[in-house]
Amino acid sequence: MVKPTDIQNCIDKCTQSAQMIRTIANDMVDHRARYALAEADRHIEQCIHGCLDAKDLTKS
């Protein structure tokens, strides 16, 4: 069974990756590249929310 600490470590790594993507996107001039990075960030955010839900379920 997955432990809540393992899930939290994954959340932390994903949060760091999302922040890095946002930083890179803010420096982009090309609108298509910025859009692609924004979509990647959005996908990671969805994954983080799924992990938060899983973490809550492990407490039940």
PDB file of N, CA and C in Angstrom:
ATOM      1  N   MET A   1       0.839  -1.181   0.000  1.00  0.00           N
ATOM      2  CA  MET A   1       0.000   0.000   0.000  1.00  0.00           C
ATOM      3  C   MET A   1       0.885   1.247   0.000  1.00  0.00           C
ATOM      4  N   VAL A   2       0.432   2.249  -0.673  1.00  0.00           N
ATOM      5  CA  VAL A   2       1.185   3.497  -0.762  1.00  0.00           C
ATOM      6  C   VAL A   2       0.972   4.305   0.518  1.00  0.00           C
ATOM      7  N   LYS A   3       2.067   4.847   1.025  1.00  0.00           N
ATOM      8  CA  LYS A   3       1.992   5.646   2.248  1.00  0.00           C
ATOM      9  C   LYS A   3       1.727   7.110   1.899  1.00  0.00           C
ATOM     10  N   PRO A   4       1.051   7.825   2.786  1.00  0.00           N
ATOM     11  CA  PRO A   4       0.806   9.255   2.552  1.00  0.00           C
ATOM     12  C   PRO A   4       2.098  10.051   2.343  1.00  0.00           C
ATOM     13  N   THR A   5       3.193   9.632   2.964  1.00  0.00           N
ATOM     14  CA  THR A   5       4.457  10.358   2.780  1.00  0.00           C
ATOM     15  C   THR A   5       4.988  10.181   1.359  1.00  0.00           C
ATOM     16  N   ASP A   6       4.773   9.000   0.778  1.00  0.00           N
ATOM     17  CA  ASP A   6       5.174   8.782  -0.620  1.00  0.00           C
ATOM     18  C   ASP A   6       4.364   9.677  -1.561  1.00  0.00           C
ATOM     19  N   ILE A   7       3.081   9.768  -1.282  1.00  0.00           N
ATOM     20  CA  ILE A   7       2.225  10.619  -2.107  1.00  0.00           C
ATOM     21  C   ILE A   7       2.643  12.080  -1.945  1.00  0.00           C
ATOM     22  N   GLN A   8       2.948  12.500  -0.724  1.00  0.00           N
ATOM     23  CA  GLN A   8       3.356  13.880  -0.492  1.00  0.00           C
ATOM     24  C   GLN A   8       4.669  14.189  -1.208  1.00  0.00           C
ATOM     25  N   ASN A   9       5.595  13.240  -1.223  1.00  0.00           N
ATOM     26  CA  ASN A   9       6.849  13.446  -1.960  1.00  0.00           C
ATOM     27  C   ASN A   9       6.580  13.646  -3.455  1.00  0.00           C
ATOM     28  N   CYS A  10       5.657  12.880  -3.998  1.00  0.00           N
ATOM     29  CA  CYS A  10       5.285  13.032  -5.403  1.00  0.00           C
ATOM     30  C   CYS A  10       4.649  14.403  -5.637  1.00  0.00           C
ATOM     31  N   ILE A  11       3.773  14.822  -4.737  1.00  0.00           N
ATOM     32  CA  ILE A  11       3.134  16.135  -4.841  1.00  0.00           C
ATOM     33  C   ILE A  11       4.188  17.231  -4.823  1.00  0.00           C
ATOM     34  N   ASP A  12       5.153  17.113  -3.924  1.00  0.00           N
ATOM     35  CA  ASP A  12       6.209  18.130  -3.814  1.00  0.00           C
ATOM     36  C   ASP A  12       7.030  18.218  -5.101  1.00  0.00           C
ATOM     37  N   LYS A  13       7.390  17.073  -5.660  1.00  0.00           N
ATOM     38  CA  LYS A  13       8.167  17.066  -6.904  1.00  0.00           C
ATOM     39  C   LYS A  13       7.353  17.639  -8.061  1.00  0.00           C
ATOM     40  N   CYS A  14       6.084  17.294  -8.133  1.00  0.00           N
ATOM     41  CA  CYS A  14       5.228  17.825  -9.195  1.00  0.00           C
ATOM     42  C   CYS A  14       5.039  19.331  -9.043  1.00  0.00           C
ATOM     43  N   THR A  15       4.913  19.801  -7.818  1.00  0.00           N
ATOM     44  CA  THR A  15       4.769  21.235  -7.571  1.00  0.00           C
ATOM     45  C   THR A  15       6.011  21.981  -8.021  1.00  0.00           C
ATOM     46  N   GLN A  16       7.172  21.424  -7.732  1.00  0.00           N
ATOM     47  CA  GLN A  16       8.419  22.046  -8.174  1.00  0.00           C
ATOM     48  C   GLN A  16       8.511  22.068  -9.697  1.00  0.00           C
ATOM     49  N   SER A  17       8.112  20.976 -10.340  1.00  0.00           N
ATOM     50  CA  SER A  17       8.138  20.915 -11.805  1.00  0.00           C
ATOM     51  C   SER A  17       7.173  21.924 -12.414  1.00  0.00           C
ATOM     52  N   ALA A  18       5.992  22.030 -11.838  1.00  0.00           N
ATOM     53  CA  ALA A  18       5.004  22.982 -12.348  1.00  0.00           C
ATOM     54  C   ALA A  18       5.525  24.412 -12.212  1.00  0.00           C
ATOM     55  N   GLN A  19       6.151  24.713 -11.094  1.00  0.00           N
ATOM     56  CA  GLN A  19       6.698  26.052 -10.901  1.00  0.00           C
ATOM     57  C   GLN A  19       7.810  26.341 -11.905  1.00  0.00           C
ATOM     58  N   MET A  20       8.645  25.356 -12.182  1.00  0.00           N
ATOM     59  CA  MET A  20       9.709  25.522 -13.163  1.00  0.00           C
ATOM     60  C   MET A  20       9.117  25.775 -14.556  1.00  0.00           C
ATOM     61  N   ILE A  21       8.073  25.041 -14.901  1.00  0.00           N
ATOM     62  CA  ILE A  21       7.418  25.233 -16.194  1.00  0.00           C
ATOM     63  C   ILE A  21       6.827  26.637 -16.281  1.00  0.00           C
ATOM     64  N   ARG A  22       6.198  27.109 -15.194  1.00  0.00           N
ATOM     65  CA  ARG A  22       5.634  28.461 -15.202  1.00  0.00           C
ATOM     66  C   ARG A  22       6.712  29.509 -15.402  1.00  0.00           C
ATOM     67  N   THR A  23       7.846  29.323 -14.756  1.00  0.00           N
ATOM     68  CA  THR A  23       8.955  30.267 -14.891  1.00  0.00           C
ATOM     69  C   THR A  23       9.457  30.312 -16.328  1.00  0.00           C
ATOM     70  N   ILE A  24       9.627  29.144 -16.925  1.00  0.00           N
ATOM     71  CA  ILE A  24      10.088  29.079 -18.313  1.00  0.00           C
ATOM     72  C   ILE A  24       9.041  29.706 -19.235  1.00  0.00           C
ATOM     73  N   ALA A  25       7.765  29.408 -19.000  1.00  0.00           N
ATOM     74  CA  ALA A  25       6.701  29.942 -19.852  1.00  0.00           C
ATOM     75  C   ALA A  25       6.651  31.463 -19.798  1.00  0.00           C
ATOM     76  N   ASN A  26       6.890  32.031 -18.631  1.00  0.00           N
ATOM     77  CA  ASN A  26       6.854  33.488 -18.495  1.00  0.00           C
ATOM     78  C   ASN A  26       7.943  34.170 -19.314  1.00  0.00           C
ATOM     79  N   ASP A  27       9.035  33.461 -19.586  1.00  0.00           N
ATOM     80  CA  ASP A  27      10.133  34.026 -20.361  1.00  0.00           C
ATOM     81  C   ASP A  27       9.990  33.779 -21.862  1.00  0.00           C
ATOM     82  N   MET A  28       8.972  33.013 -22.256  1.00  0.00           N
ATOM     83  CA  MET A  28       8.786  32.673 -23.665  1.00  0.00           C
ATOM     84  C   MET A  28       8.185  33.839 -24.441  1.00  0.00           C
ATOM     85  N   VAL A  29       8.709  34.045 -25.632  1.00  0.00           N
ATOM     86  CA  VAL A  29       8.160  35.068 -26.524  1.00  0.00           C
ATOM     87  C   VAL A  29       7.165  34.426 -27.491  1.00  0.00           C
ATOM     88  N   ASP A  30       7.487  33.229 -27.927  1.00  0.00           N
ATOM     89  CA  ASP A  30       6.632  32.511 -28.874  1.00  0.00           C
ATOM     90  C   ASP A  30       5.331  32.083 -28.182  1.00  0.00           C
ATOM     91  N   HIS A  31       4.215  32.539 -28.707  1.00  0.00           N
ATOM     92  CA  HIS A  31       2.918  32.276 -28.077  1.00  0.00           C
ATOM     93  C   HIS A  31       2.561  30.791 -28.083  1.00  0.00           C
ATOM     94  N   ARG A  32       2.918  30.094 -29.142  1.00  0.00           N
ATOM     95  CA  ARG A  32       2.608  28.659 -29.202  1.00  0.00           C
ATOM     96  C   ARG A  32       3.398  27.880 -28.160  1.00  0.00           C
ATOM     97  N   ALA A  33       4.651  28.247 -27.988  1.00  0.00           N
ATOM     98  CA  ALA A  33       5.471  27.577 -26.970  1.00  0.00           C
ATOM     99  C   ALA A  33       4.930  27.875 -25.576  1.00  0.00           C
ATOM    100  N   ARG A  34       4.542  29.123 -25.356  1.00  0.00           N
ATOM    101  CA  ARG A  34       3.995  29.496 -24.045  1.00  0.00           C
ATOM    102  C   ARG A  34       2.691  28.739 -23.779  1.00  0.00           C
ATOM    103  N   TYR A  35       1.860  28.607 -24.820  1.00  0.00           N
ATOM    104  CA  TYR A  35       0.610  27.868 -24.678  1.00  0.00           C
ATOM    105  C   TYR A  35       0.879  26.398 -24.354  1.00  0.00           C
ATOM    106  N   ALA A  36       1.831  25.793 -25.041  1.00  0.00           N
ATOM    107  CA  ALA A  36       2.172  24.386 -24.794  1.00  0.00           C
ATOM    108  C   ALA A  36       2.660  24.194 -23.361  1.00  0.00           C
ATOM    109  N   LEU A  37       3.471  25.114 -22.886  1.00  0.00           N
ATOM    110  CA  LEU A  37       3.953  25.021 -21.506  1.00  0.00           C
ATOM    111  C   LEU A  37       2.815  25.229 -20.510  1.00  0.00           C
ATOM    112  N   ALA A  38       1.896  26.125 -20.827  1.00  0.00           N
ATOM    113  CA  ALA A  38       0.740  26.335 -19.949  1.00  0.00           C
ATOM    114  C   ALA A  38      -0.114  25.074 -19.871  1.00  0.00           C
ATOM    115  N   GLU A  39      -0.255  24.380 -21.000  1.00  0.00           N
ATOM    116  CA  GLU A  39      -1.004  23.126 -20.995  1.00  0.00           C
ATOM    117  C   GLU A  39      -0.285  22.059 -20.162  1.00  0.00           C
ATOM    118  N   ALA A  40       1.028  22.015 -20.263  1.00  0.00           N
ATOM    119  CA  ALA A  40       1.800  21.061 -19.455  1.00  0.00           C
ATOM    120  C   ALA A  40       1.627  21.370 -17.972  1.00  0.00           C
ATOM    121  N   ASP A  41       1.661  22.642 -17.631  1.00  0.00           N
ATOM    122  CA  ASP A  41       1.467  23.053 -16.240  1.00  0.00           C
ATOM    123  C   ASP A  41       0.070  22.655 -15.759  1.00  0.00           C
ATOM    124  N   ARG A  42      -0.916  22.870 -16.603  1.00  0.00           N
ATOM    125  CA  ARG A  42      -2.289  22.513 -16.238  1.00  0.00           C
ATOM    126  C   ARG A  42      -2.425  21.010 -16.007  1.00  0.00           C
ATOM    127  N   HIS A  43      -1.757  20.216 -16.831  1.00  0.00           N
ATOM    128  CA  HIS A  43      -1.805  18.763 -16.669  1.00  0.00           C
ATOM    129  C   HIS A  43      -1.165  18.349 -15.340  1.00  0.00           C
ATOM    130  N   ILE A  44      -0.042  18.944 -15.014  1.00  0.00           N
ATOM    131  CA  ILE A  44       0.616  18.619 -13.745  1.00  0.00           C
ATOM    132  C   ILE A  44      -0.274  19.018 -12.571  1.00  0.00           C
ATOM    133  N   GLU A  45      -0.939  20.164 -12.667  1.00  0.00           N
ATOM    134  CA  GLU A  45      -1.851  20.594 -11.605  1.00  0.00           C
ATOM    135  C   GLU A  45      -2.987  19.589 -11.417  1.00  0.00           C
ATOM    136  N   GLN A  46      -3.505  19.043 -12.511  1.00  0.00           N
ATOM    137  CA  GLN A  46      -4.547  18.022 -12.412  1.00  0.00           C
ATOM    138  C   GLN A  46      -4.012  16.776 -11.706  1.00  0.00           C
ATOM    139  N   CYS A  47      -2.784  16.411 -12.014  1.00  0.00           N
ATOM    140  CA  CYS A  47      -2.158  15.259 -11.358  1.00  0.00           C
ATOM    141  C   CYS A  47      -1.991  15.512  -9.855  1.00  0.00           C
ATOM    142  N   ILE A  48      -1.596  16.727  -9.517  1.00  0.00           N
ATOM    143  CA  ILE A  48      -1.429  17.077  -8.105  1.00  0.00           C
ATOM    144  C   ILE A  48      -2.761  16.947  -7.368  1.00  0.00           C
ATOM    145  N   HIS A  49      -3.837  17.427  -7.973  1.00  0.00           N
ATOM    146  CA  HIS A  49      -5.147  17.318  -7.331  1.00  0.00           C
ATOM    147  C   HIS A  49      -5.562  15.856  -7.172  1.00  0.00           C
ATOM    148  N   GLY A  50      -5.243  15.039  -8.164  1.00  0.00           N
ATOM    149  CA  GLY A  50      -5.523  13.612  -8.041  1.00  0.00           C
ATOM    150  C   GLY A  50      -4.733  12.977  -6.912  1.00  0.00           C
ATOM    151  N   CYS A  51      -3.489  13.386  -6.764  1.00  0.00           N
ATOM    152  CA  CYS A  51      -2.653  12.875  -5.669  1.00  0.00           C
ATOM    153  C   CYS A  51      -3.188  13.329  -4.310  1.00  0.00           C
ATOM    154  N   LEU A  52      -3.657  14.563  -4.242  1.00  0.00           N
ATOM    155  CA  LEU A  52      -4.243  15.053  -2.988  1.00  0.00           C
ATOM    156  C   LEU A  52      -5.479  14.240  -2.621  1.00  0.00           C
ATOM    157  N   ASP A  53      -6.288  13.903  -3.619  1.00  0.00           N
ATOM    158  CA  ASP A  53      -7.460  13.057  -3.365  1.00  0.00           C
ATOM    159  C   ASP A  53      -7.026  11.673  -2.873  1.00  0.00           C
ATOM    160  N   ALA A  54      -5.998  11.114  -3.506  1.00  0.00           N
ATOM    161  CA  ALA A  54      -5.499   9.798  -3.095  1.00  0.00           C
ATOM    162  C   ALA A  54      -4.954   9.855  -1.680  1.00  0.00           C
ATOM    163  N   LYS A  55      -4.267  10.934  -1.358  1.00  0.00           N
ATOM    164  CA  LYS A  55      -3.721  11.082  -0.004  1.00  0.00           C
ATOM    165  C   LYS A  55      -4.846  11.125   1.028  1.00  0.00           C
ATOM    166  N   ASP A  56      -5.925  11.829   0.701  1.00  0.00           N
ATOM    167  CA  ASP A  56      -7.082  11.885   1.612  1.00  0.00           C
ATOM    168  C   ASP A  56      -7.698  10.500   1.774  1.00  0.00           C
ATOM    169  N   LEU A  57      -7.753   9.735   0.699  1.00  0.00           N
ATOM    170  CA  LEU A  57      -8.349   8.392   0.779  1.00  0.00           C
ATOM    171  C   LEU A  57      -7.503   7.443   1.617  1.00  0.00           C
ATOM    172  N   THR A  58      -6.201   7.638   1.645  1.00  0.00           N
ATOM    173  CA  THR A  58      -5.360   6.752   2.457  1.00  0.00           C
ATOM    174  C   THR A  58      -5.556   7.009   3.938  1.00  0.00           C
ATOM    175  N   LYS A  59      -6.067   8.180   4.283  1.00  0.00           N
ATOM    176  CA  LYS A  59      -6.332   8.508   5.689  1.00  0.00           C
ATOM    177  C   LYS A  59      -7.630   7.868   6.181  1.00  0.00           C
ATOM    178  N   SER A  60      -8.498   7.506   5.237  1.00  0.00           N
ATOM    179  CA  SER A  60      -9.810   6.947   5.615  1.00  0.00           C
ATOM    180  C   SER A  60      -9.697   5.511   6.049  1.00  0.00           C
TER     181      SER A  60
END
